[in-house]
Amino acid sequence: MHRFLYGRLEIWAAAVIHAIGSINFLFDPSFKPYASVSDISKYFGTSKSTATQKSKQIRDMFKMRVWDREFSTTHMMEHNPFSKLVMIDRFIVSIDPLPPELRETISRNRNQEK
């Protein structure tokens, strides 16, 4: 943890934006909003490689992944292709054909996990 106490604030700021942007497809020009790693580095006055390296440390430390409930944008969570899948008796099934009362129970349990 001590390694995060050192370094320029600008580098860590760029790294945080990079880390969150990475799991939310910020660097994919087909998504909105879009920014390049160069844009972020220029804005904060940092090198791309340093910000990217620190971003990896942040993603590893917080176990950040695509579709992460804690760090994904609302848009990403609403378009999560896995959100309609559940495991029942060790089988992965779509929630859509399940009875309404079971879907409601699953939804309630998911909301409690957040």
PDB file of N, CA and C in Angstrom:
ATOM      1  N   MET A   1       0.818  -1.189   0.000  1.00  0.00           N
ATOM      2  CA  MET A   1       0.000   0.000   0.000  1.00  0.00           C
ATOM      3  C   MET A   1       0.867   1.261   0.000  1.00  0.00           C
ATOM      4  N   HIS A   2       2.045   1.177   0.572  1.00  0.00           N
ATOM      5  CA  HIS A   2       2.896   2.358   0.672  1.00  0.00           C
ATOM      6  C   HIS A   2       3.327   2.905  -0.679  1.00  0.00           C
ATOM      7  N   ARG A   3       3.382   2.051  -1.699  1.00  0.00           N
ATOM      8  CA  ARG A   3       3.807   2.522  -3.011  1.00  0.00           C
ATOM      9  C   ARG A   3       2.853   3.572  -3.569  1.00  0.00           C
ATOM     10  N   PHE A   4       1.619   3.628  -3.058  1.00  0.00           N
ATOM     11  CA  PHE A   4       0.644   4.601  -3.535  1.00  0.00           C
ATOM     12  C   PHE A   4       0.799   5.959  -2.843  1.00  0.00           C
ATOM     13  N   LEU A   5       1.667   6.013  -1.847  1.00  0.00           N
ATOM     14  CA  LEU A   5       1.886   7.268  -1.148  1.00  0.00           C
ATOM     15  C   LEU A   5       2.904   8.151  -1.853  1.00  0.00           C
ATOM     16  N   TYR A   6       3.572   7.610  -2.857  1.00  0.00           N
ATOM     17  CA  TYR A   6       4.626   8.340  -3.533  1.00  0.00           C
ATOM     18  C   TYR A   6       4.249   8.606  -4.984  1.00  0.00           C
ATOM     19  N   GLY A   7       4.853   9.634  -5.532  1.00  0.00           N
ATOM     20  CA  GLY A   7       4.614   9.950  -6.933  1.00  0.00           C
ATOM     21  C   GLY A   7       3.801  11.226  -7.077  1.00  0.00           C
ATOM     22  N   ARG A   8       3.853  11.762  -8.275  1.00  0.00           N
ATOM     23  CA  ARG A   8       3.146  13.004  -8.553  1.00  0.00           C
ATOM     24  C   ARG A   8       1.645  12.774  -8.584  1.00  0.00           C
ATOM     25  N   LEU A   9       0.928  13.714  -8.036  1.00  0.00           N
ATOM     26  CA  LEU A   9      -0.532  13.654  -7.993  1.00  0.00           C
ATOM     27  C   LEU A   9      -1.106  13.542  -9.404  1.00  0.00           C
ATOM     28  N   GLU A  10      -0.504  14.235 -10.361  1.00  0.00           N
ATOM     29  CA  GLU A  10      -0.991  14.218 -11.739  1.00  0.00           C
ATOM     30  C   GLU A  10      -0.926  12.816 -12.346  1.00  0.00           C
ATOM     31  N   ILE A  11       0.133  12.081 -11.996  1.00  0.00           N
ATOM     32  CA  ILE A  11       0.280  10.718 -12.513  1.00  0.00           C
ATOM     33  C   ILE A  11      -0.828   9.824 -11.963  1.00  0.00           C
ATOM     34  N   TRP A  12      -1.082   9.933 -10.658  1.00  0.00           N
ATOM     35  CA  TRP A  12      -2.131   9.113 -10.052  1.00  0.00           C
ATOM     36  C   TRP A  12      -3.510   9.505 -10.569  1.00  0.00           C
ATOM     37  N   ALA A  13      -3.737  10.793 -10.798  1.00  0.00           N
ATOM     38  CA  ALA A  13      -5.023  11.232 -11.341  1.00  0.00           C
ATOM     39  C   ALA A  13      -5.235  10.646 -12.739  1.00  0.00           C
ATOM     40  N   ALA A  14      -4.208  10.723 -13.571  1.00  0.00           N
ATOM     41  CA  ALA A  14      -4.296  10.142 -14.920  1.00  0.00           C
ATOM     42  C   ALA A  14      -4.492   8.635 -14.840  1.00  0.00           C
ATOM     43  N   ALA A  15      -3.838   7.987 -13.893  1.00  0.00           N
ATOM     44  CA  ALA A  15      -3.949   6.535 -13.736  1.00  0.00           C
ATOM     45  C   ALA A  15      -5.353   6.117 -13.296  1.00  0.00           C
ATOM     46  N   VAL A  16      -5.961   6.883 -12.420  1.00  0.00           N
ATOM     47  CA  VAL A  16      -7.336   6.579 -11.977  1.00  0.00           C
ATOM     48  C   VAL A  16      -8.296   6.702 -13.152  1.00  0.00           C
ATOM     49  N   ILE A  17      -8.174   7.790 -13.918  1.00  0.00           N
ATOM     50  CA  ILE A  17      -9.026   7.969 -15.100  1.00  0.00           C
ATOM     51  C   ILE A  17      -8.790   6.830 -16.087  1.00  0.00           C
ATOM     52  N   HIS A  18      -7.543   6.460 -16.284  1.00  0.00           N
ATOM     53  CA  HIS A  18      -7.204   5.368 -17.193  1.00  0.00           C
ATOM     54  C   HIS A  18      -7.805   4.049 -16.705  1.00  0.00           C
ATOM     55  N   ALA A  19      -7.690   3.768 -15.416  1.00  0.00           N
ATOM     56  CA  ALA A  19      -8.198   2.507 -14.860  1.00  0.00           C
ATOM     57  C   ALA A  19      -9.713   2.399 -15.037  1.00  0.00           C
ATOM     58  N   ILE A  20     -10.414   3.446 -14.663  1.00  0.00           N
ATOM     59  CA  ILE A  20     -11.876   3.428 -14.797  1.00  0.00           C
ATOM     60  C   ILE A  20     -12.273   3.426 -16.271  1.00  0.00           C
ATOM     61  N   GLY A  21     -11.546   4.197 -17.068  1.00  0.00           N
ATOM     62  CA  GLY A  21     -11.817   4.229 -18.503  1.00  0.00           C
ATOM     63  C   GLY A  21     -11.580   2.892 -19.170  1.00  0.00           C
ATOM     64  N   SER A  22     -10.578   2.168 -18.723  1.00  0.00           N
ATOM     65  CA  SER A  22     -10.257   0.868 -19.317  1.00  0.00           C
ATOM     66  C   SER A  22     -11.404  -0.127 -19.198  1.00  0.00           C
ATOM     67  N   ILE A  23     -12.037  -0.165 -18.045  1.00  0.00           N
ATOM     68  CA  ILE A  23     -13.109  -1.144 -17.861  1.00  0.00           C
ATOM     69  C   ILE A  23     -14.440  -0.657 -18.432  1.00  0.00           C
ATOM     70  N   ASN A  24     -14.489   0.611 -18.850  1.00  0.00           N
ATOM     71  CA  ASN A  24     -15.718   1.174 -19.410  1.00  0.00           C
ATOM     72  C   ASN A  24     -15.581   1.538 -20.883  1.00  0.00           C
ATOM     73  N   PHE A  25     -14.575   0.982 -21.552  1.00  0.00           N
ATOM     74  CA  PHE A  25     -14.361   1.157 -22.985  1.00  0.00           C
ATOM     75  C   PHE A  25     -14.175   2.621 -23.404  1.00  0.00           C
ATOM     76  N   LEU A  26     -13.571   3.427 -22.544  1.00  0.00           N
ATOM     77  CA  LEU A  26     -13.314   4.832 -22.867  1.00  0.00           C
ATOM     78  C   LEU A  26     -12.407   4.973 -24.078  1.00  0.00           C
ATOM     79  N   PHE A  27     -11.532   4.001 -24.308  1.00  0.00           N
ATOM     80  CA  PHE A  27     -10.544   4.097 -25.381  1.00  0.00           C
ATOM     81  C   PHE A  27     -11.026   3.500 -26.704  1.00  0.00           C
ATOM     82  N   ASP A  28     -12.272   3.067 -26.742  1.00  0.00           N
ATOM     83  CA  ASP A  28     -12.865   2.526 -27.966  1.00  0.00           C
ATOM     84  C   ASP A  28     -13.631   3.641 -28.666  1.00  0.00           C
ATOM     85  N   PRO A  29     -13.184   4.056 -29.864  1.00  0.00           N
ATOM     86  CA  PRO A  29     -13.828   5.186 -30.536  1.00  0.00           C
ATOM     87  C   PRO A  29     -15.287   4.941 -30.913  1.00  0.00           C
ATOM     88  N   SER A  30     -15.747   3.690 -30.871  1.00  0.00           N
ATOM     89  CA  SER A  30     -17.157   3.436 -31.188  1.00  0.00           C
ATOM     90  C   SER A  30     -18.061   3.685 -29.986  1.00  0.00           C
ATOM     91  N   PHE A  31     -17.475   3.939 -28.813  1.00  0.00           N
ATOM     92  CA  PHE A  31     -18.245   4.227 -27.601  1.00  0.00           C
ATOM     93  C   PHE A  31     -18.235   5.725 -27.324  1.00  0.00           C
ATOM     94  N   LYS A  32     -19.248   6.182 -26.624  1.00  0.00           N
ATOM     95  CA  LYS A  32     -19.307   7.559 -26.155  1.00  0.00           C
ATOM     96  C   LYS A  32     -19.394   7.513 -24.631  1.00  0.00           C
ATOM     97  N   PRO A  33     -18.660   8.265 -23.872  1.00  0.00           N
ATOM     98  CA  PRO A  33     -17.628   9.174 -24.351  1.00  0.00           C
ATOM     99  C   PRO A  33     -16.389   8.406 -24.791  1.00  0.00           C
ATOM    100  N   TYR A  34     -15.578   9.080 -25.576  1.00  0.00           N
ATOM    101  CA  TYR A  34     -14.328   8.513 -26.065  1.00  0.00           C
ATOM    102  C   TYR A  34     -13.193   9.469 -25.741  1.00  0.00           C
ATOM    103  N   ALA A  35     -12.083   8.910 -25.324  1.00  0.00           N
ATOM    104  CA  ALA A  35     -10.835   9.663 -25.160  1.00  0.00           C
ATOM    105  C   ALA A  35      -9.701   8.678 -25.400  1.00  0.00           C
ATOM    106  N   SER A  36      -8.608   9.177 -25.888  1.00  0.00           N
ATOM    107  CA  SER A  36      -7.447   8.308 -26.087  1.00  0.00           C
ATOM    108  C   SER A  36      -6.541   8.410 -24.859  1.00  0.00           C
ATOM    109  N   VAL A  37      -5.640   7.461 -24.737  1.00  0.00           N
ATOM    110  CA  VAL A  37      -4.655   7.508 -23.658  1.00  0.00           C
ATOM    111  C   VAL A  37      -3.810   8.767 -23.810  1.00  0.00           C
ATOM    112  N   SER A  38      -3.528   9.153 -25.053  1.00  0.00           N
ATOM    113  CA  SER A  38      -2.766  10.387 -25.301  1.00  0.00           C
ATOM    114  C   SER A  38      -3.517  11.608 -24.784  1.00  0.00           C
ATOM    115  N   ASP A  39      -4.835  11.637 -24.993  1.00  0.00           N
ATOM    116  CA  ASP A  39      -5.646  12.764 -24.495  1.00  0.00           C
ATOM    117  C   ASP A  39      -5.518  12.907 -22.985  1.00  0.00           C
ATOM    118  N   ILE A  40      -5.616  11.789 -22.285  1.00  0.00           N
ATOM    119  CA  ILE A  40      -5.526  11.813 -20.817  1.00  0.00           C
ATOM    120  C   ILE A  40      -4.133  12.240 -20.376  1.00  0.00           C
ATOM    121  N   SER A  41      -3.115  11.682 -21.006  1.00  0.00           N
ATOM    122  CA  SER A  41      -1.733  12.032 -20.647  1.00  0.00           C
ATOM    123  C   SER A  41      -1.442  13.501 -20.902  1.00  0.00           C
ATOM    124  N   LYS A  42      -1.900  14.022 -22.033  1.00  0.00           N
ATOM    125  CA  LYS A  42      -1.698  15.447 -22.328  1.00  0.00           C
ATOM    126  C   LYS A  42      -2.406  16.322 -21.305  1.00  0.00           C
ATOM    127  N   TYR A  43      -3.634  15.960 -20.971  1.00  0.00           N
ATOM    128  CA  TYR A  43      -4.413  16.767 -20.024  1.00  0.00           C
ATOM    129  C   TYR A  43      -3.703  16.869 -18.672  1.00  0.00           C
ATOM    130  N   PHE A  44      -3.177  15.747 -18.187  1.00  0.00           N
ATOM    131  CA  PHE A  44      -2.536  15.734 -16.874  1.00  0.00           C
ATOM    132  C   PHE A  44      -1.038  16.011 -16.930  1.00  0.00           C
ATOM    133  N   GLY A  45      -0.478  16.107 -18.137  1.00  0.00           N
ATOM    134  CA  GLY A  45       0.957  16.365 -18.263  1.00  0.00           C
ATOM    135  C   GLY A  45       1.810  15.196 -17.816  1.00  0.00           C
ATOM    136  N   THR A  46       1.394  13.995 -18.176  1.00  0.00           N
ATOM    137  CA  THR A  46       2.116  12.784 -17.774  1.00  0.00           C
ATOM    138  C   THR A  46       2.492  11.975 -19.010  1.00  0.00           C
ATOM    139  N   SER A  47       3.344  10.997 -18.812  1.00  0.00           N
ATOM    140  CA  SER A  47       3.668  10.106 -19.924  1.00  0.00           C
ATOM    141  C   SER A  47       2.622   8.992 -19.986  1.00  0.00           C
ATOM    142  N   LYS A  48       2.356   8.527 -21.201  1.00  0.00           N
ATOM    143  CA  LYS A  48       1.370   7.456 -21.382  1.00  0.00           C
ATOM    144  C   LYS A  48       1.802   6.191 -20.641  1.00  0.00           C
ATOM    145  N   SER A  49       3.069   5.852 -20.753  1.00  0.00           N
ATOM    146  CA  SER A  49       3.523   4.589 -20.155  1.00  0.00           C
ATOM    147  C   SER A  49       3.418   4.609 -18.627  1.00  0.00           C
ATOM    148  N   THR A  50       3.745   5.745 -18.011  1.00  0.00           N
ATOM    149  CA  THR A  50       3.668   5.825 -16.547  1.00  0.00           C
ATOM    150  C   THR A  50       2.222   5.737 -16.084  1.00  0.00           C
ATOM    151  N   ALA A  51       1.339   6.474 -16.736  1.00  0.00           N
ATOM    152  CA  ALA A  51      -0.077   6.431 -16.359  1.00  0.00           C
ATOM    153  C   ALA A  51      -0.645   5.034 -16.555  1.00  0.00           C
ATOM    154  N   THR A  52      -0.260   4.374 -17.639  1.00  0.00           N
ATOM    155  CA  THR A  52      -0.742   3.023 -17.925  1.00  0.00           C
ATOM    156  C   THR A  52      -0.233   2.028 -16.885  1.00  0.00           C
ATOM    157  N   GLN A  53       1.021   2.162 -16.479  1.00  0.00           N
ATOM    158  CA  GLN A  53       1.589   1.265 -15.464  1.00  0.00           C
ATOM    159  C   GLN A  53       0.883   1.442 -14.123  1.00  0.00           C
ATOM    160  N   LYS A  54       0.668   2.687 -13.739  1.00  0.00           N
ATOM    161  CA  LYS A  54      -0.012   2.956 -12.464  1.00  0.00           C
ATOM    162  C   LYS A  54      -1.469   2.493 -12.543  1.00  0.00           C
ATOM    163  N   SER A  55      -2.086   2.643 -13.723  1.00  0.00           N
ATOM    164  CA  SER A  55      -3.457   2.181 -13.924  1.00  0.00           C
ATOM    165  C   SER A  55      -3.558   0.686 -13.653  1.00  0.00           C
ATOM    166  N   LYS A  56      -2.587  -0.063 -14.130  1.00  0.00           N
ATOM    167  CA  LYS A  56      -2.574  -1.515 -13.903  1.00  0.00           C
ATOM    168  C   LYS A  56      -2.505  -1.829 -12.416  1.00  0.00           C
ATOM    169  N   GLN A  57      -1.696  -1.069 -11.687  1.00  0.00           N
ATOM    170  CA  GLN A  57      -1.602  -1.271 -10.233  1.00  0.00           C
ATOM    171  C   GLN A  57      -2.959  -1.020  -9.575  1.00  0.00           C
ATOM    172  N   ILE A  58      -3.639   0.041 -10.000  1.00  0.00           N
ATOM    173  CA  ILE A  58      -4.945   0.370  -9.429  1.00  0.00           C
ATOM    174  C   ILE A  58      -5.959  -0.721  -9.763  1.00  0.00           C
ATOM    175  N   ARG A  59      -5.993  -1.149 -11.029  1.00  0.00           N
ATOM    176  CA  ARG A  59      -6.950  -2.196 -11.423  1.00  0.00           C
ATOM    177  C   ARG A  59      -6.696  -3.488 -10.660  1.00  0.00           C
ATOM    178  N   ASP A  60      -5.422  -3.842 -10.475  1.00  0.00           N
ATOM    179  CA  ASP A  60      -5.094  -5.050  -9.720  1.00  0.00           C
ATOM    180  C   ASP A  60      -5.478  -4.909  -8.247  1.00  0.00           C
ATOM    181  N   MET A  61      -5.175  -3.760  -7.669  1.00  0.00           N
ATOM    182  CA  MET A  61      -5.451  -3.547  -6.251  1.00  0.00           C
ATOM    183  C   MET A  61      -6.944  -3.633  -5.947  1.00  0.00           C
ATOM    184  N   PHE A  62      -7.764  -3.045  -6.827  1.00  0.00           N
ATOM    185  CA  PHE A  62      -9.210  -3.034  -6.605  1.00  0.00           C
ATOM    186  C   PHE A  62      -9.933  -4.152  -7.354  1.00  0.00           C
ATOM    187  N   LYS A  63      -9.163  -5.035  -7.996  1.00  0.00           N
ATOM    188  CA  LYS A  63      -9.719  -6.148  -8.769  1.00  0.00           C
ATOM    189  C   LYS A  63     -10.781  -5.656  -9.763  1.00  0.00           C
ATOM    190  N   MET A  64     -10.445  -4.589 -10.466  1.00  0.00           N
ATOM    191  CA  MET A  64     -11.365  -3.968 -11.423  1.00  0.00           C
ATOM    192  C   MET A  64     -11.385  -4.771 -12.715  1.00  0.00           C
ATOM    193  N   ARG A  65     -12.575  -5.090 -13.177  1.00  0.00           N
ATOM    194  CA  ARG A  65     -12.767  -5.824 -14.421  1.00  0.00           C
ATOM    195  C   ARG A  65     -13.935  -5.208 -15.184  1.00  0.00           C
ATOM    196  N   VAL A  66     -14.029  -5.518 -16.462  1.00  0.00           N
ATOM    197  CA  VAL A  66     -15.171  -5.084 -17.259  1.00  0.00           C
ATOM    198  C   VAL A  66     -16.424  -5.683 -16.620  1.00  0.00           C
ATOM    199  N   TRP A  67     -17.493  -4.930 -16.583  1.00  0.00           N
ATOM    200  CA  TRP A  67     -18.795  -5.270 -15.987  1.00  0.00           C
ATOM    201  C   TRP A  67     -18.743  -5.274 -14.460  1.00  0.00           C
ATOM    202  N   ASP A  68     -17.713  -4.686 -13.875  1.00  0.00           N
ATOM    203  CA  ASP A  68     -17.584  -4.587 -12.428  1.00  0.00           C
ATOM    204  C   ASP A  68     -18.733  -3.735 -11.886  1.00  0.00           C
ATOM    205  N   ARG A  69     -19.482  -4.269 -10.942  1.00  0.00           N
ATOM    206  CA  ARG A  69     -20.651  -3.541 -10.416  1.00  0.00           C
ATOM    207  C   ARG A  69     -20.276  -2.235  -9.714  1.00  0.00           C
ATOM    208  N   GLU A  70     -19.116  -2.220  -9.087  1.00  0.00           N
ATOM    209  CA  GLU A  70     -18.714  -1.043  -8.327  1.00  0.00           C
ATOM    210  C   GLU A  70     -18.116   0.064  -9.198  1.00  0.00           C
ATOM    211  N   PHE A  71     -17.409  -0.301 -10.260  1.00  0.00           N
ATOM    212  CA  PHE A  71     -16.667   0.688 -11.022  1.00  0.00           C
ATOM    213  C   PHE A  71     -17.177   0.926 -12.439  1.00  0.00           C
ATOM    214  N   SER A  72     -18.176   0.186 -12.876  1.00  0.00           N
ATOM    215  CA  SER A  72     -18.709   0.379 -14.221  1.00  0.00           C
ATOM    216  C   SER A  72     -19.728   1.511 -14.236  1.00  0.00           C
ATOM    217  N   THR A  73     -19.822   2.163 -15.370  1.00  0.00           N
ATOM    218  CA  THR A  73     -20.822   3.218 -15.516  1.00  0.00           C
ATOM    219  C   THR A  73     -22.210   2.597 -15.580  1.00  0.00           C
ATOM    220  N   THR A  74     -23.222   3.407 -15.359  1.00  0.00           N
ATOM    221  CA  THR A  74     -24.602   2.946 -15.456  1.00  0.00           C
ATOM    222  C   THR A  74     -24.867   2.384 -16.843  1.00  0.00           C
ATOM    223  N   HIS A  75     -24.374   3.072 -17.860  1.00  0.00           N
ATOM    224  CA  HIS A  75     -24.569   2.615 -19.238  1.00  0.00           C
ATOM    225  C   HIS A  75     -23.996   1.209 -19.427  1.00  0.00           C
ATOM    226  N   MET A  76     -22.804   0.982 -18.916  1.00  0.00           N
ATOM    227  CA  MET A  76     -22.183  -0.330 -19.063  1.00  0.00           C
ATOM    228  C   MET A  76     -22.990  -1.400 -18.337  1.00  0.00           C
ATOM    229  N   MET A  77     -23.464  -1.100 -17.149  1.00  0.00           N
ATOM    230  CA  MET A  77     -24.231  -2.090 -16.401  1.00  0.00           C
ATOM    231  C   MET A  77     -25.567  -2.393 -17.072  1.00  0.00           C
ATOM    232  N   GLU A  78     -26.169  -1.380 -17.677  1.00  0.00           N
ATOM    233  CA  GLU A  78     -27.436  -1.593 -18.374  1.00  0.00           C
ATOM    234  C   GLU A  78     -27.261  -2.443 -19.627  1.00  0.00           C
ATOM    235  N   HIS A  79     -26.061  -2.459 -20.177  1.00  0.00           N
ATOM    236  CA  HIS A  79     -25.790  -3.224 -21.397  1.00  0.00           C
ATOM    237  C   HIS A  79     -24.918  -4.454 -21.141  1.00  0.00           C
ATOM    238  N   ASN A  80     -24.861  -4.875 -19.906  1.00  0.00           N
ATOM    239  CA  ASN A  80     -24.073  -6.041 -19.530  1.00  0.00           C
ATOM    240  C   ASN A  80     -24.733  -7.304 -20.091  1.00  0.00           C
ATOM    241  N   PRO A  81     -24.065  -8.016 -20.998  1.00  0.00           N
ATOM    242  CA  PRO A  81     -24.680  -9.203 -21.592  1.00  0.00           C
ATOM    243  C   PRO A  81     -24.869 -10.349 -20.597  1.00  0.00           C
ATOM    244  N   PHE A  82     -24.225 -10.269 -19.452  1.00  0.00           N
ATOM    245  CA  PHE A  82     -24.336 -11.333 -18.461  1.00  0.00           C
ATOM    246  C   PHE A  82     -25.421 -11.068 -17.425  1.00  0.00           C
ATOM    247  N   SER A  83     -26.016  -9.888 -17.448  1.00  0.00           N
ATOM    248  CA  SER A  83     -26.986  -9.527 -16.413  1.00  0.00           C
ATOM    249  C   SER A  83     -28.256 -10.362 -16.470  1.00  0.00           C
ATOM    250  N   LYS A  84     -28.532 -10.973 -17.587  1.00  0.00           N
ATOM    251  CA  LYS A  84     -29.746 -11.800 -17.731  1.00  0.00           C
ATOM    252  C   LYS A  84     -29.464 -13.280 -17.469  1.00  0.00           C
ATOM    253  N   LEU A  85     -28.256 -13.598 -17.006  1.00  0.00           N
ATOM    254  CA  LEU A  85     -27.898 -14.989 -16.742  1.00  0.00           C
ATOM    255  C   LEU A  85     -27.803 -15.238 -15.243  1.00  0.00           C
ATOM    256  N   VAL A  86     -28.297 -16.392 -14.825  1.00  0.00           N
ATOM    257  CA  VAL A  86     -28.224 -16.800 -13.421  1.00  0.00           C
ATOM    258  C   VAL A  86     -27.821 -18.269 -13.365  1.00  0.00           C
ATOM    259  N   MET A  87     -27.325 -18.683 -12.202  1.00  0.00           N
ATOM    260  CA  MET A  87     -26.976 -20.083 -12.024  1.00  0.00           C
ATOM    261  C   MET A  87     -28.028 -20.725 -11.128  1.00  0.00           C
ATOM    262  N   ILE A  88     -28.649 -21.778 -11.646  1.00  0.00           N
ATOM    263  CA  ILE A  88     -29.644 -22.529 -10.890  1.00  0.00           C
ATOM    264  C   ILE A  88     -29.238 -23.997 -10.962  1.00  0.00           C
ATOM    265  N   ASP A  89     -29.054 -24.595  -9.798  1.00  0.00           N
ATOM    266  CA  ASP A  89     -28.623 -25.999  -9.722  1.00  0.00           C
ATOM    267  C   ASP A  89     -27.403 -26.267 -10.612  1.00  0.00           C
ATOM    268  N   ARG A  90     -26.440 -25.390 -10.546  1.00  0.00           N
ATOM    269  CA  ARG A  90     -25.172 -25.473 -11.275  1.00  0.00           C
ATOM    270  C   ARG A  90     -25.309 -25.332 -12.790  1.00  0.00           C
ATOM    271  N   PHE A  91     -26.449 -24.855 -13.251  1.00  0.00           N
ATOM    272  CA  PHE A  91     -26.661 -24.586 -14.669  1.00  0.00           C
ATOM    273  C   PHE A  91     -26.828 -23.088 -14.876  1.00  0.00           C
ATOM    274  N   ILE A  92     -26.221 -22.563 -15.912  1.00  0.00           N
ATOM    275  CA  ILE A  92     -26.396 -21.158 -16.252  1.00  0.00           C
ATOM    276  C   ILE A  92     -27.587 -21.065 -17.193  1.00  0.00           C
ATOM    277  N   VAL A  93     -28.566 -20.255 -16.781  1.00  0.00           N
ATOM    278  CA  VAL A  93     -29.792 -20.102 -17.572  1.00  0.00           C
ATOM    279  C   VAL A  93     -30.134 -18.624 -17.697  1.00  0.00           C
ATOM    280  N   SER A  94     -30.932 -18.320 -18.711  1.00  0.00           N
ATOM    281  CA  SER A  94     -31.434 -16.962 -18.879  1.00  0.00           C
ATOM    282  C   SER A  94     -32.557 -16.726 -17.880  1.00  0.00           C
ATOM    283  N   ILE A  95     -32.604 -15.526 -17.352  1.00  0.00           N
ATOM    284  CA  ILE A  95     -33.634 -15.173 -16.383  1.00  0.00           C
ATOM    285  C   ILE A  95     -35.007 -14.968 -17.055  1.00  0.00           C
ATOM    286  N   ASP A  96     -35.008 -14.652 -18.344  1.00  0.00           N
ATOM    287  CA  ASP A  96     -36.242 -14.299 -19.046  1.00  0.00           C
ATOM    288  C   ASP A  96     -37.350 -15.351 -18.981  1.00  0.00           C
ATOM    289  N   PRO A  97     -37.079 -16.636 -19.233  1.00  0.00           N
ATOM    290  CA  PRO A  97     -38.185 -17.600 -19.227  1.00  0.00           C
ATOM    291  C   PRO A  97     -38.605 -18.094 -17.838  1.00  0.00           C
ATOM    292  N   LEU A  98     -37.927 -17.632 -16.794  1.00  0.00           N
ATOM    293  CA  LEU A  98     -38.257 -18.087 -15.447  1.00  0.00           C
ATOM    294  C   LEU A  98     -39.586 -17.485 -14.993  1.00  0.00           C
ATOM    295  N   PRO A  99     -40.266 -18.148 -14.063  1.00  0.00           N
ATOM    296  CA  PRO A  99     -41.525 -17.610 -13.537  1.00  0.00           C
ATOM    297  C   PRO A  99     -41.302 -16.234 -12.892  1.00  0.00           C
ATOM    298  N   PRO A 100     -42.289 -15.351 -12.996  1.00  0.00           N
ATOM    299  CA  PRO A 100     -42.143 -13.980 -12.475  1.00  0.00           C
ATOM    300  C   PRO A 100     -41.715 -13.910 -11.011  1.00  0.00           C
ATOM    301  N   GLU A 101     -42.243 -14.783 -10.167  1.00  0.00           N
ATOM    302  CA  GLU A 101     -41.884 -14.730  -8.741  1.00  0.00           C
ATOM    303  C   GLU A 101     -40.416 -15.098  -8.525  1.00  0.00           C
ATOM    304  N   LEU A 102     -39.888 -16.003  -9.320  1.00  0.00           N
ATOM    305  CA  LEU A 102     -38.480 -16.361  -9.223  1.00  0.00           C
ATOM    306  C   LEU A 102     -37.591 -15.225  -9.743  1.00  0.00           C
ATOM    307  N   ARG A 103     -37.999 -14.586 -10.839  1.00  0.00           N
ATOM    308  CA  ARG A 103     -37.253 -13.426 -11.364  1.00  0.00           C
ATOM    309  C   ARG A 103     -37.211 -12.312 -10.324  1.00  0.00           C
ATOM    310  N   GLU A 104     -38.323 -12.102  -9.650  1.00  0.00           N
ATOM    311  CA  GLU A 104     -38.387 -11.047  -8.623  1.00  0.00           C
ATOM    312  C   GLU A 104     -37.449 -11.364  -7.460  1.00  0.00           C
ATOM    313  N   THR A 105     -37.424 -12.614  -7.032  1.00  0.00           N
ATOM    314  CA  THR A 105     -36.528 -13.030  -5.945  1.00  0.00           C
ATOM    315  C   THR A 105     -35.071 -12.838  -6.348  1.00  0.00           C
ATOM    316  N   ILE A 106     -34.725 -13.227  -7.563  1.00  0.00           N
ATOM    317  CA  ILE A 106     -33.355 -13.060  -8.054  1.00  0.00           C
ATOM    318  C   ILE A 106     -32.989 -11.586  -8.106  1.00  0.00           C
ATOM    319  N   SER A 107     -33.885 -10.768  -8.620  1.00  0.00           N
ATOM    320  CA  SER A 107     -33.644  -9.326  -8.710  1.00  0.00           C
ATOM    321  C   SER A 107     -33.444  -8.718  -7.323  1.00  0.00           C
ATOM    322  N   ARG A 108     -34.262  -9.121  -6.366  1.00  0.00           N
ATOM    323  CA  ARG A 108     -34.149  -8.615  -4.998  1.00  0.00           C
ATOM    324  C   ARG A 108     -32.796  -9.008  -4.397  1.00  0.00           C
ATOM    325  N   ASN A 109     -32.376 -10.254  -4.616  1.00  0.00           N
ATOM    326  CA  ASN A 109     -31.087 -10.719  -4.090  1.00  0.00           C
ATOM    327  C   ASN A 109     -29.919  -9.956  -4.720  1.00  0.00           C
ATOM    328  N   ARG A 110     -30.007  -9.692  -6.012  1.00  0.00           N
ATOM    329  CA  ARG A 110     -28.944  -8.931  -6.691  1.00  0.00           C
ATOM    330  C   ARG A 110     -28.847  -7.516  -6.144  1.00  0.00           C
ATOM    331  N   ASN A 111     -29.991  -6.899  -5.882  1.00  0.00           N
ATOM    332  CA  ASN A 111     -29.989  -5.527  -5.351  1.00  0.00           C
ATOM    333  C   ASN A 111     -29.394  -5.487  -3.945  1.00  0.00           C
ATOM    334  N   GLN A 112     -29.585  -6.544  -3.168  1.00  0.00           N
ATOM    335  CA  GLN A 112     -29.022  -6.597  -1.825  1.00  0.00           C
ATOM    336  C   GLN A 112     -27.503  -6.760  -1.860  1.00  0.00           C
ATOM    337  N   GLU A 113     -26.989  -7.381  -2.938  1.00  0.00           N
ATOM    338  CA  GLU A 113     -25.542  -7.567  -3.091  1.00  0.00           C
ATOM    339  C   GLU A 113     -24.815  -6.280  -3.381  1.00  0.00           C
ATOM    340  N   LYS A 114     -25.502  -5.303  -3.950  1.00  0.00           N
ATOM    341  CA  LYS A 114     -24.854  -4.051  -4.382  1.00  0.00           C
ATOM    342  C   LYS A 114     -24.387  -3.237  -3.235  1.00  0.00           C
TER     343      LYS A 114
END
